[in-house]
Every structure is written in C-alpha cells, then in structure tokens.
Amino acid sequence: NEMTIANRLNELIAEKEYKKELAERIGVAASTLNTWLSRGEDFPAQYVIPICGVLGISAEKLLEGRDV
C-alpha cells in the first residue's frame, strides 16, 4: 500500500515537541496538524512549501518520498 503524504510527514517529524513547533511555524493550530497526521489524509497544498522550508527538505521528499 502506498504511503500518504501525511504518513510521510508523520515519519519525518516523529518527535512530538517538533510537531508543536512545526504547527506554529506554518500557522496552524497544533490540533489541526495532529488531525492531519492521525487521519493520514493529505493536507491543503498551500502548506507543502512552508512545511518543507521548516523541515529543510524538498517538496519531492515530502510528496513522493524521494530526494532530487
């Protein structure tokens, strides 16, 4: 089965404290981020670039699990 973007993000930010910081830095409530992650659903596309910026990863890494 294919990994969702939310599942991949969950793996990238396994540390709980970092989830709170990430939520703050992309401008969403921690509860919103937790909902995205716990449901394993894709989150709004407008957050892809901000999340990548905070994590220091490429969009390809987040979206497809591959480095470019």
C-alpha atoms as a PDB file:
ATOM      1  CA  ASN A   1       0.000   0.000   0.000  1.00  0.00           C
ATOM      2  CA  GLU A   2       1.161   3.453  -0.850  1.00  0.00           C
ATOM      3  CA  MET A   3       2.271   5.858   1.835  1.00  0.00           C
ATOM      4  CA  THR A   4       0.264   9.080   2.053  1.00  0.00           C
ATOM      5  CA  ILE A   5       1.878  12.475   2.292  1.00  0.00           C
ATOM      6  CA  ALA A   6       0.568  12.797   5.851  1.00  0.00           C
ATOM      7  CA  ASN A   7       2.097   9.418   6.785  1.00  0.00           C
ATOM      8  CA  ARG A   8       5.421  10.518   5.317  1.00  0.00           C
ATOM      9  CA  LEU A   9       5.262  13.806   7.236  1.00  0.00           C
ATOM     10  CA  ASN A  10       4.488  11.870  10.398  1.00  0.00           C
ATOM     11  CA  GLU A  11       7.658   9.833   9.938  1.00  0.00           C
ATOM     12  CA  LEU A  12       9.694  12.976   9.291  1.00  0.00           C
ATOM     13  CA  ILE A  13       8.525  14.635  12.495  1.00  0.00           C
ATOM     14  CA  ALA A  14       8.276  11.666  14.818  1.00  0.00           C
ATOM     15  CA  GLU A  15       9.261  13.804  17.797  1.00  0.00           C
ATOM     16  CA  LYS A  16       6.111  15.248  19.396  1.00  0.00           C
ATOM     17  CA  GLU A  17       7.630  18.526  20.545  1.00  0.00           C
ATOM     18  CA  TYR A  18       8.642  19.226  16.984  1.00  0.00           C
ATOM     19  CA  LYS A  19       5.043  18.827  15.826  1.00  0.00           C
ATOM     20  CA  LYS A  20       4.005  21.748  18.018  1.00  0.00           C
ATOM     21  CA  GLU A  21       6.827  23.905  16.689  1.00  0.00           C
ATOM     22  CA  LEU A  22       6.041  22.935  13.094  1.00  0.00           C
ATOM     23  CA  ALA A  23       2.364  23.823  13.550  1.00  0.00           C
ATOM     24  CA  GLU A  24       3.289  27.238  14.941  1.00  0.00           C
ATOM     25  CA  ARG A  25       5.779  27.933  12.165  1.00  0.00           C
ATOM     26  CA  ILE A  26       3.328  27.102   9.368  1.00  0.00           C
ATOM     27  CA  GLY A  27       0.488  28.998  11.043  1.00  0.00           C
ATOM     28  CA  VAL A  28      -1.930  26.234  12.018  1.00  0.00           C
ATOM     29  CA  ALA A  29      -3.156  25.028  15.397  1.00  0.00           C
ATOM     30  CA  ALA A  30      -1.283  22.037  16.785  1.00  0.00           C
ATOM     31  CA  SER A  31      -4.635  20.236  16.915  1.00  0.00           C
ATOM     32  CA  THR A  32      -5.097  20.819  13.171  1.00  0.00           C
ATOM     33  CA  LEU A  33      -1.691  19.351  12.388  1.00  0.00           C
ATOM     34  CA  ASN A  34      -2.382  16.395  14.683  1.00  0.00           C
ATOM     35  CA  THR A  35      -5.704  15.779  12.908  1.00  0.00           C
ATOM     36  CA  TRP A  36      -3.984  15.716   9.503  1.00  0.00           C
ATOM     37  CA  LEU A  37      -1.386  13.297  10.800  1.00  0.00           C
ATOM     38  CA  SER A  38      -3.686  10.990  12.756  1.00  0.00           C
ATOM     39  CA  ARG A  39      -6.112  10.637   9.843  1.00  0.00           C
ATOM     40  CA  GLY A  40      -3.289  10.070   7.379  1.00  0.00           C
ATOM     41  CA  GLU A  41      -5.031  12.412   4.962  1.00  0.00           C
ATOM     42  CA  ASP A  42      -3.386  14.818   2.599  1.00  0.00           C
ATOM     43  CA  PHE A  43      -3.374  18.335   3.968  1.00  0.00           C
ATOM     44  CA  PRO A  44      -4.042  21.534   1.984  1.00  0.00           C
ATOM     45  CA  ALA A  45      -1.458  22.084  -0.746  1.00  0.00           C
ATOM     46  CA  GLN A  46      -0.702  25.603   0.464  1.00  0.00           C
ATOM     47  CA  TYR A  47       1.193  24.074   3.397  1.00  0.00           C
ATOM     48  CA  VAL A  48       3.564  21.913   1.353  1.00  0.00           C
ATOM     49  CA  ILE A  49       6.196  24.610   0.734  1.00  0.00           C
ATOM     50  CA  PRO A  50       6.091  26.065   4.278  1.00  0.00           C
ATOM     51  CA  ILE A  51       6.425  22.573   5.792  1.00  0.00           C
ATOM     52  CA  CYS A  52       9.353  21.781   3.510  1.00  0.00           C
ATOM     53  CA  GLY A  53      11.006  25.057   4.474  1.00  0.00           C
ATOM     54  CA  VAL A  54      10.709  24.341   8.180  1.00  0.00           C
ATOM     55  CA  LEU A  55      11.951  20.762   7.808  1.00  0.00           C
ATOM     56  CA  GLY A  56      14.693  21.693   5.365  1.00  0.00           C
ATOM     57  CA  ILE A  57      13.553  19.145   2.790  1.00  0.00           C
ATOM     58  CA  SER A  58      12.489  19.277  -0.847  1.00  0.00           C
ATOM     59  CA  ALA A  59       8.868  19.086  -1.945  1.00  0.00           C
ATOM     60  CA  GLU A  60       9.754  15.850  -3.738  1.00  0.00           C
ATOM     61  CA  LYS A  61      10.931  14.355  -0.452  1.00  0.00           C
ATOM     62  CA  LEU A  62       7.655  15.235   1.265  1.00  0.00           C
ATOM     63  CA  LEU A  63       5.306  14.467  -1.626  1.00  0.00           C
ATOM     64  CA  GLU A  64       6.971  11.449  -3.182  1.00  0.00           C
ATOM     65  CA  GLY A  65       9.495  10.223  -0.617  1.00  0.00           C
ATOM     66  CA  ARG A  66      12.430  10.752  -2.932  1.00  0.00           C
ATOM     67  CA  ASP A  67      15.395  13.086  -2.956  1.00  0.00           C
ATOM     68  CA  VAL A  68      16.185  15.036  -6.086  1.00  0.00           C
END
